[in-house]
Amino acid sequence: MSIDLSQNSDKFLQKLDVYISERIKDRLKRLSEVPIPSDAKFIGREDGDKIFRYRIGDFRALYKVKDNEKIVLVVKIDKRPRVYEK
C-alpha cells in the first residue's frame, strides 16, 4: 500500500522540528506494510472508508484505509486534544 498525506497533514509536518517530523514520517511508513497495526484504533467511518487513530508519541495521526485503491490516506496529524476537532 502507498501512503498519501492530505494537504493539512503535509503542512503540519513542514512546520514541525525536522527531528520530530522525520520520526512521524518513519512511523507512518510502517503503515504501508501493516495498514492496521495492533496499536491503531478504529474510530469510525466516513464515506464508507474506515478511519483509524495512530499514536506517535504526543501526536496522533488520523488516517483512512482505502482497500480498493491500496492507499493509506493520512487525513490529519496534530497533538492529542486538537486532532479530534473538526
PDB file of N, CA and C in Angstrom:
ATOM      1  N   MET A   1       0.842  -1.184   0.000  1.00  0.00           N
ATOM      2  CA  MET A   1       0.000   0.000   0.000  1.00  0.00           C
ATOM      3  C   MET A   1       0.879   1.237   0.000  1.00  0.00           C
ATOM      4  N   SER A   2       0.352   2.293  -0.580  1.00  0.00           N
ATOM      5  CA  SER A   2       1.102   3.550  -0.573  1.00  0.00           C
ATOM      6  C   SER A   2       0.528   4.478   0.489  1.00  0.00           C
ATOM      7  N   ILE A   3       1.361   5.397   0.958  1.00  0.00           N
ATOM      8  CA  ILE A   3       0.961   6.364   1.979  1.00  0.00           C
ATOM      9  C   ILE A   3       0.788   7.718   1.308  1.00  0.00           C
ATOM     10  N   ASP A   4      -0.375   8.315   1.467  1.00  0.00           N
ATOM     11  CA  ASP A   4      -0.639   9.660   0.955  1.00  0.00           C
ATOM     12  C   ASP A   4      -0.944  10.576   2.126  1.00  0.00           C
ATOM     13  N   LEU A   5      -0.422  11.793   2.074  1.00  0.00           N
ATOM     14  CA  LEU A   5      -0.704  12.791   3.099  1.00  0.00           C
ATOM     15  C   LEU A   5      -1.675  13.817   2.550  1.00  0.00           C
ATOM     16  N   SER A   6      -2.646  14.199   3.348  1.00  0.00           N
ATOM     17  CA  SER A   6      -3.530  15.284   2.939  1.00  0.00           C
ATOM     18  C   SER A   6      -2.733  16.582   2.976  1.00  0.00           C
ATOM     19  N   GLN A   7      -3.267  17.614   2.377  1.00  0.00           N
ATOM     20  CA  GLN A   7      -2.580  18.902   2.340  1.00  0.00           C
ATOM     21  C   GLN A   7      -2.356  19.423   3.761  1.00  0.00           C
ATOM     22  N   ASN A   8      -3.346  19.278   4.632  1.00  0.00           N
ATOM     23  CA  ASN A   8      -3.216  19.731   6.020  1.00  0.00           C
ATOM     24  C   ASN A   8      -2.127  18.958   6.762  1.00  0.00           C
ATOM     25  N   SER A   9      -2.056  17.644   6.555  1.00  0.00           N
ATOM     26  CA  SER A   9      -1.048  16.827   7.215  1.00  0.00           C
ATOM     27  C   SER A   9       0.349  17.222   6.764  1.00  0.00           C
ATOM     28  N   ASP A  10       0.500  17.445   5.464  1.00  0.00           N
ATOM     29  CA  ASP A  10       1.798  17.821   4.914  1.00  0.00           C
ATOM     30  C   ASP A  10       2.251  19.176   5.475  1.00  0.00           C
ATOM     31  N   LYS A  11       1.335  20.141   5.530  1.00  0.00           N
ATOM     32  CA  LYS A  11       1.658  21.462   6.086  1.00  0.00           C
ATOM     33  C   LYS A  11       2.074  21.358   7.541  1.00  0.00           C
ATOM     34  N   PHE A  12       1.357  20.541   8.307  1.00  0.00           N
ATOM     35  CA  PHE A  12       1.659  20.380   9.720  1.00  0.00           C
ATOM     36  C   PHE A  12       3.066  19.821   9.914  1.00  0.00           C
ATOM     37  N   LEU A  13       3.426  18.816   9.121  1.00  0.00           N
ATOM     38  CA  LEU A  13       4.761  18.222   9.230  1.00  0.00           C
ATOM     39  C   LEU A  13       5.857  19.219   8.860  1.00  0.00           C
ATOM     40  N   GLN A  14       5.591  20.088   7.892  1.00  0.00           N
ATOM     41  CA  GLN A  14       6.589  21.069   7.480  1.00  0.00           C
ATOM     42  C   GLN A  14       6.853  22.104   8.567  1.00  0.00           C
ATOM     43  N   LYS A  15       5.857  22.370   9.416  1.00  0.00           N
ATOM     44  CA  LYS A  15       6.020  23.356  10.476  1.00  0.00           C
ATOM     45  C   LYS A  15       6.786  22.802  11.677  1.00  0.00           C
ATOM     46  N   LEU A  16       6.835  21.491  11.808  1.00  0.00           N
ATOM     47  CA  LEU A  16       7.478  20.873  12.960  1.00  0.00           C
ATOM     48  C   LEU A  16       8.998  20.897  12.848  1.00  0.00           C
ATOM     49  N   ASP A  17       9.653  20.670  13.974  1.00  0.00           N
ATOM     50  CA  ASP A  17      11.097  20.479  14.012  1.00  0.00           C
ATOM     51  C   ASP A  17      11.443  19.279  13.119  1.00  0.00           C
ATOM     52  N   VAL A  18      12.561  19.334  12.426  1.00  0.00           N
ATOM     53  CA  VAL A  18      12.933  18.292  11.457  1.00  0.00           C
ATOM     54  C   VAL A  18      13.007  16.916  12.119  1.00  0.00           C
ATOM     55  N   TYR A  19      13.589  16.849  13.314  1.00  0.00           N
ATOM     56  CA  TYR A  19      13.727  15.572  14.010  1.00  0.00           C
ATOM     57  C   TYR A  19      12.351  14.939  14.276  1.00  0.00           C
ATOM     58  N   ILE A  20      11.421  15.736  14.781  1.00  0.00           N
ATOM     59  CA  ILE A  20      10.077  15.226  15.094  1.00  0.00           C
ATOM     60  C   ILE A  20       9.346  14.848  13.810  1.00  0.00           C
ATOM     61  N   SER A  21       9.480  15.674  12.794  1.00  0.00           N
ATOM     62  CA  SER A  21       8.832  15.408  11.512  1.00  0.00           C
ATOM     63  C   SER A  21       9.314  14.081  10.915  1.00  0.00           C
ATOM     64  N   GLU A  22      10.622  13.850  10.949  1.00  0.00           N
ATOM     65  CA  GLU A  22      11.179  12.600  10.410  1.00  0.00           C
ATOM     66  C   GLU A  22      10.709  11.395  11.220  1.00  0.00           C
ATOM     67  N   ARG A  23      10.616  11.564  12.529  1.00  0.00           N
ATOM     68  CA  ARG A  23      10.157  10.477  13.388  1.00  0.00           C
ATOM     69  C   ARG A  23       8.717  10.098  13.035  1.00  0.00           C
ATOM     70  N   ILE A  24       7.871  11.099  12.827  1.00  0.00           N
ATOM     71  CA  ILE A  24       6.478  10.839  12.456  1.00  0.00           C
ATOM     72  C   ILE A  24       6.408  10.168  11.086  1.00  0.00           C
ATOM     73  N   LYS A  25       7.185  10.663  10.131  1.00  0.00           N
ATOM     74  CA  LYS A  25       7.187  10.070   8.784  1.00  0.00           C
ATOM     75  C   LYS A  25       7.637   8.609   8.815  1.00  0.00           C
ATOM     76  N   ASP A  26       8.653   8.306   9.640  1.00  0.00           N
ATOM     77  CA  ASP A  26       9.121   6.918   9.750  1.00  0.00           C
ATOM     78  C   ASP A  26       8.028   6.007  10.283  1.00  0.00           C
ATOM     79  N   ARG A  27       7.288   6.487  11.281  1.00  0.00           N
ATOM     80  CA  ARG A  27       6.196   5.679  11.831  1.00  0.00           C
ATOM     81  C   ARG A  27       5.081   5.499  10.801  1.00  0.00           C
ATOM     82  N   LEU A  28       4.796   6.560  10.035  1.00  0.00           N
ATOM     83  CA  LEU A  28       3.739   6.462   9.023  1.00  0.00           C
ATOM     84  C   LEU A  28       4.124   5.498   7.904  1.00  0.00           C
ATOM     85  N   LYS A  29       5.415   5.405   7.589  1.00  0.00           N
ATOM     86  CA  LYS A  29       5.867   4.465   6.542  1.00  0.00           C
ATOM     87  C   LYS A  29       5.547   3.030   6.913  1.00  0.00           C
ATOM     88  N   ARG A  30       5.518   2.742   8.204  1.00  0.00           N
ATOM     89  CA  ARG A  30       5.195   1.383   8.651  1.00  0.00           C
ATOM     90  C   ARG A  30       3.783   0.979   8.243  1.00  0.00           C
ATOM     91  N   LEU A  31       2.908   1.977   8.083  1.00  0.00           N
ATOM     92  CA  LEU A  31       1.521   1.686   7.701  1.00  0.00           C
ATOM     93  C   LEU A  31       1.426   1.101   6.294  1.00  0.00           C
ATOM     94  N   SER A  32       2.440   1.327   5.457  1.00  0.00           N
ATOM     95  CA  SER A  32       2.397   0.760   4.104  1.00  0.00           C
ATOM     96  C   SER A  32       2.534  -0.761   4.155  1.00  0.00           C
ATOM     97  N   GLU A  33       3.235  -1.273   5.164  1.00  0.00           N
ATOM     98  CA  GLU A  33       3.399  -2.724   5.311  1.00  0.00           C
ATOM     99  C   GLU A  33       2.234  -3.343   6.076  1.00  0.00           C
ATOM    100  N   VAL A  34       1.850  -2.689   7.174  1.00  0.00           N
ATOM    101  CA  VAL A  34       0.740  -3.163   8.006  1.00  0.00           C
ATOM    102  C   VAL A  34      -0.215  -1.991   8.196  1.00  0.00           C
ATOM    103  N   PRO A  35      -1.234  -1.865   7.346  1.00  0.00           N
ATOM    104  CA  PRO A  35      -2.125  -0.699   7.392  1.00  0.00           C
ATOM    105  C   PRO A  35      -2.880  -0.533   8.716  1.00  0.00           C
ATOM    106  N   ILE A  36      -3.139  -1.631   9.404  1.00  0.00           N
ATOM    107  CA  ILE A  36      -3.858  -1.545  10.669  1.00  0.00           C
ATOM    108  C   ILE A  36      -3.039  -2.277  11.742  1.00  0.00           C
ATOM    109  N   PRO A  37      -2.018  -1.603  12.304  1.00  0.00           N
ATOM    110  CA  PRO A  37      -1.211  -2.247  13.338  1.00  0.00           C
ATOM    111  C   PRO A  37      -2.017  -2.433  14.626  1.00  0.00           C
ATOM    112  N   SER A  38      -1.490  -3.227  15.540  1.00  0.00           N
ATOM    113  CA  SER A  38      -2.225  -3.525  16.774  1.00  0.00           C
ATOM    114  C   SER A  38      -2.433  -2.290  17.645  1.00  0.00           C
ATOM    115  N   ASP A  39      -1.580  -1.262  17.506  1.00  0.00           N
ATOM    116  CA  ASP A  39      -1.739  -0.061  18.326  1.00  0.00           C
ATOM    117  C   ASP A  39      -2.572   1.026  17.649  1.00  0.00           C
ATOM    118  N   ALA A  40      -3.162   0.712  16.495  1.00  0.00           N
ATOM    119  CA  ALA A  40      -4.083   1.656  15.844  1.00  0.00           C
ATOM    120  C   ALA A  40      -5.476   1.386  16.384  1.00  0.00           C
ATOM    121  N   LYS A  41      -6.294   2.426  16.457  1.00  0.00           N
ATOM    122  CA  LYS A  41      -7.634   2.268  16.998  1.00  0.00           C
ATOM    123  C   LYS A  41      -8.657   2.739  15.978  1.00  0.00           C
ATOM    124  N   PHE A  42      -9.646   1.897  15.726  1.00  0.00           N
ATOM    125  CA  PHE A  42     -10.754   2.242  14.827  1.00  0.00           C
ATOM    126  C   PHE A  42     -11.620   3.286  15.523  1.00  0.00           C
ATOM    127  N   ILE A  43     -11.863   4.431  14.836  1.00  0.00           N
ATOM    128  CA  ILE A  43     -12.674   5.470  15.473  1.00  0.00           C
ATOM    129  C   ILE A  43     -13.945   5.814  14.701  1.00  0.00           C
ATOM    130  N   GLY A  44     -14.161   5.205  13.552  1.00  0.00           N
ATOM    131  CA  GLY A  44     -15.412   5.463  12.842  1.00  0.00           C
ATOM    132  C   GLY A  44     -15.282   5.265  11.337  1.00  0.00           C
ATOM    133  N   ARG A  45     -16.333   5.692  10.636  1.00  0.00           N
ATOM    134  CA  ARG A  45     -16.362   5.588   9.173  1.00  0.00           C
ATOM    135  C   ARG A  45     -16.722   6.933   8.569  1.00  0.00           C
ATOM    136  N   GLU A  46     -16.205   7.148   7.368  1.00  0.00           N
ATOM    137  CA  GLU A  46     -16.568   8.338   6.603  1.00  0.00           C
ATOM    138  C   GLU A  46     -16.584   7.945   5.133  1.00  0.00           C
ATOM    139  N   ASP A  47     -17.694   8.129   4.476  1.00  0.00           N
ATOM    140  CA  ASP A  47     -17.859   7.772   3.055  1.00  0.00           C
ATOM    141  C   ASP A  47     -17.497   6.316   2.787  1.00  0.00           C
ATOM    142  N   GLY A  48     -17.806   5.439   3.723  1.00  0.00           N
ATOM    143  CA  GLY A  48     -17.530   4.019   3.537  1.00  0.00           C
ATOM    144  C   GLY A  48     -16.116   3.598   3.882  1.00  0.00           C
ATOM    145  N   ASP A  49     -15.223   4.545   4.141  1.00  0.00           N
ATOM    146  CA  ASP A  49     -13.840   4.223   4.499  1.00  0.00           C
ATOM    147  C   ASP A  49     -13.700   4.176   6.015  1.00  0.00           C
ATOM    148  N   LYS A  50     -12.927   3.224   6.507  1.00  0.00           N
ATOM    149  CA  LYS A  50     -12.681   3.132   7.942  1.00  0.00           C
ATOM    150  C   LYS A  50     -11.634   4.173   8.328  1.00  0.00           C
ATOM    151  N   ILE A  51     -11.866   4.848   9.458  1.00  0.00           N
ATOM    152  CA  ILE A  51     -10.907   5.846   9.952  1.00  0.00           C
ATOM    153  C   ILE A  51     -10.268   5.297  11.227  1.00  0.00           C
ATOM    154  N   PHE A  52      -8.944   5.407  11.269  1.00  0.00           N
ATOM    155  CA  PHE A  52      -8.186   4.913  12.412  1.00  0.00           C
ATOM    156  C   PHE A  52      -7.358   6.029  13.029  1.00  0.00           C
ATOM    157  N   ARG A  53      -7.023   5.837  14.309  1.00  0.00           N
ATOM    158  CA  ARG A  53      -6.147   6.740  15.026  1.00  0.00           C
ATOM    159  C   ARG A  53      -4.839   5.993  15.282  1.00  0.00           C
ATOM    160  N   TYR A  54      -3.719   6.646  15.013  1.00  0.00           N
ATOM    161  CA  TYR A  54      -2.400   6.048  15.215  1.00  0.00           C
ATOM    162  C   TYR A  54      -1.606   6.962  16.122  1.00  0.00           C
ATOM    163  N   ARG A  55      -1.138   6.436  17.224  1.00  0.00           N
ATOM    164  CA  ARG A  55      -0.417   7.235  18.210  1.00  0.00           C
ATOM    165  C   ARG A  55       1.071   7.257  17.869  1.00  0.00           C
ATOM    166  N   ILE A  56       1.646   8.476  17.857  1.00  0.00           N
ATOM    167  CA  ILE A  56       3.075   8.662  17.605  1.00  0.00           C
ATOM    168  C   ILE A  56       3.587   9.632  18.670  1.00  0.00           C
ATOM    169  N   GLY A  57       3.963   9.105  19.825  1.00  0.00           N
ATOM    170  CA  GLY A  57       4.399   9.964  20.930  1.00  0.00           C
ATOM    171  C   GLY A  57       3.260  10.853  21.388  1.00  0.00           C
ATOM    172  N   ASP A  58       3.496  12.167  21.436  1.00  0.00           N
ATOM    173  CA  ASP A  58       2.464  13.128  21.838  1.00  0.00           C
ATOM    174  C   ASP A  58       1.508  13.451  20.700  1.00  0.00           C
ATOM    175  N   PHE A  59       1.786  12.947  19.515  1.00  0.00           N
ATOM    176  CA  PHE A  59       0.994  13.264  18.327  1.00  0.00           C
ATOM    177  C   PHE A  59       0.063  12.111  17.987  1.00  0.00           C
ATOM    178  N   ARG A  60      -1.008  12.454  17.253  1.00  0.00           N
ATOM    179  CA  ARG A  60      -1.938  11.450  16.750  1.00  0.00           C
ATOM    180  C   ARG A  60      -2.112  11.681  15.262  1.00  0.00           C
ATOM    181  N   ALA A  61      -2.194  10.595  14.525  1.00  0.00           N
ATOM    182  CA  ALA A  61      -2.472  10.674  13.090  1.00  0.00           C
ATOM    183  C   ALA A  61      -3.811   9.994  12.852  1.00  0.00           C
ATOM    184  N   LEU A  62      -4.708  10.680  12.170  1.00  0.00           N
ATOM    185  CA  LEU A  62      -5.981  10.087  11.765  1.00  0.00           C
ATOM    186  C   LEU A  62      -5.840   9.703  10.300  1.00  0.00           C
ATOM    187  N   TYR A  63      -6.171   8.460   9.980  1.00  0.00           N
ATOM    188  CA  TYR A  63      -5.993   8.015   8.594  1.00  0.00           C
ATOM    189  C   TYR A  63      -7.112   7.090   8.153  1.00  0.00           C
ATOM    190  N   LYS A  64      -7.285   7.036   6.832  1.00  0.00           N
ATOM    191  CA  LYS A  64      -8.279   6.167   6.202  1.00  0.00           C
ATOM    192  C   LYS A  64      -7.540   5.079   5.434  1.00  0.00           C
ATOM    193  N   VAL A  65      -8.100   3.888   5.445  1.00  0.00           N
ATOM    194  CA  VAL A  65      -7.561   2.789   4.647  1.00  0.00           C
ATOM    195  C   VAL A  65      -8.501   2.599   3.467  1.00  0.00           C
ATOM    196  N   LYS A  66      -7.993   2.862   2.267  1.00  0.00           N
ATOM    197  CA  LYS A  66      -8.792   2.682   1.052  1.00  0.00           C
ATOM    198  C   LYS A  66      -8.323   1.378   0.401  1.00  0.00           C
ATOM    199  N   ASP A  67      -8.967   0.273   0.788  1.00  0.00           N
ATOM    200  CA  ASP A  67      -8.556  -1.060   0.340  1.00  0.00           C
ATOM    201  C   ASP A  67      -8.597  -1.214  -1.171  1.00  0.00           C
ATOM    202  N   ASN A  68      -9.671  -0.719  -1.792  1.00  0.00           N
ATOM    203  CA  ASN A  68      -9.825  -0.923  -3.234  1.00  0.00           C
ATOM    204  C   ASN A  68      -8.775  -0.156  -4.038  1.00  0.00           C
ATOM    205  N   GLU A  69      -8.239   0.943  -3.480  1.00  0.00           N
ATOM    206  CA  GLU A  69      -7.212   1.721  -4.189  1.00  0.00           C
ATOM    207  C   GLU A  69      -5.801   1.442  -3.658  1.00  0.00           C
ATOM    208  N   LYS A  70      -5.705   0.610  -2.629  1.00  0.00           N
ATOM    209  CA  LYS A  70      -4.416   0.269  -1.997  1.00  0.00           C
ATOM    210  C   LYS A  70      -3.702   1.522  -1.496  1.00  0.00           C
ATOM    211  N   ILE A  71      -4.449   2.393  -0.795  1.00  0.00           N
ATOM    212  CA  ILE A  71      -3.895   3.652  -0.293  1.00  0.00           C
ATOM    213  C   ILE A  71      -4.223   3.801   1.189  1.00  0.00           C
ATOM    214  N   VAL A  72      -3.245   4.294   1.937  1.00  0.00           N
ATOM    215  CA  VAL A  72      -3.474   4.743   3.304  1.00  0.00           C
ATOM    216  C   VAL A  72      -3.395   6.265   3.237  1.00  0.00           C
ATOM    217  N   LEU A  73      -4.522   6.936   3.480  1.00  0.00           N
ATOM    218  CA  LEU A  73      -4.588   8.389   3.385  1.00  0.00           C
ATOM    219  C   LEU A  73      -4.548   8.987   4.787  1.00  0.00           C
ATOM    220  N   VAL A  74      -3.461   9.708   5.089  1.00  0.00           N
ATOM    221  CA  VAL A  74      -3.330  10.369   6.388  1.00  0.00           C
ATOM    222  C   VAL A  74      -4.085  11.686   6.292  1.00  0.00           C
ATOM    223  N   VAL A  75      -5.188  11.768   7.009  1.00  0.00           N
ATOM    224  CA  VAL A  75      -6.097  12.905   6.917  1.00  0.00           C
ATOM    225  C   VAL A  75      -5.623  14.061   7.791  1.00  0.00           C
ATOM    226  N   LYS A  76      -5.182  13.740   9.020  1.00  0.00           N
ATOM    227  CA  LYS A  76      -4.825  14.811   9.947  1.00  0.00           C
ATOM    228  C   LYS A  76      -3.762  14.334  10.926  1.00  0.00           C
ATOM    229  N   ILE A  77      -2.820  15.216  11.255  1.00  0.00           N
ATOM    230  CA  ILE A  77      -1.812  14.957  12.273  1.00  0.00           C
ATOM    231  C   ILE A  77      -1.806  16.164  13.201  1.00  0.00           C
ATOM    232  N   ASP A  78      -1.842  15.910  14.499  1.00  0.00           N
ATOM    233  CA  ASP A  78      -1.786  17.017  15.462  1.00  0.00           C
ATOM    234  C   ASP A  78      -1.566  16.439  16.847  1.00  0.00           C
ATOM    235  N   LYS A  79      -1.434  17.321  17.825  1.00  0.00           N
ATOM    236  CA  LYS A  79      -1.331  16.862  19.206  1.00  0.00           C
ATOM    237  C   LYS A  79      -2.691  16.334  19.647  1.00  0.00           C
ATOM    238  N   ARG A  80      -2.690  15.553  20.698  1.00  0.00           N
ATOM    239  CA  ARG A  80      -3.870  14.813  21.100  1.00  0.00           C
ATOM    240  C   ARG A  80      -5.150  15.633  21.244  1.00  0.00           C
ATOM    241  N   PRO A  81      -5.191  16.701  22.026  1.00  0.00           N
ATOM    242  CA  PRO A  81      -6.504  17.347  22.197  1.00  0.00           C
ATOM    243  C   PRO A  81      -7.046  17.998  20.923  1.00  0.00           C
ATOM    244  N   ARG A  82      -6.165  18.428  20.035  1.00  0.00           N
ATOM    245  CA  ARG A  82      -6.616  19.158  18.841  1.00  0.00           C
ATOM    246  C   ARG A  82      -6.942  18.255  17.661  1.00  0.00           C
ATOM    247  N   VAL A  83      -6.402  17.061  17.625  1.00  0.00           N
ATOM    248  CA  VAL A  83      -6.554  16.209  16.440  1.00  0.00           C
ATOM    249  C   VAL A  83      -8.005  15.817  16.192  1.00  0.00           C
ATOM    250  N   TYR A  84      -8.808  15.748  17.245  1.00  0.00           N
ATOM    251  CA  TYR A  84     -10.190  15.298  17.091  1.00  0.00           C
ATOM    252  C   TYR A  84     -11.149  16.439  16.776  1.00  0.00           C
ATOM    253  N   GLU A  85     -10.660  17.679  16.815  1.00  0.00           N
ATOM    254  CA  GLU A  85     -11.505  18.823  16.468  1.00  0.00           C
ATOM    255  C   GLU A  85     -11.756  18.849  14.977  1.00  0.00           C
ATOM    256  N   LYS A  86     -12.921  19.294  14.573  1.00  0.00           N
ATOM    257  CA  LYS A  86     -13.220  19.328  13.136  1.00  0.00           C
ATOM    258  C   LYS A  86     -12.809  20.622  12.525  1.00  0.00           C
TER     259      LYS A  86
END
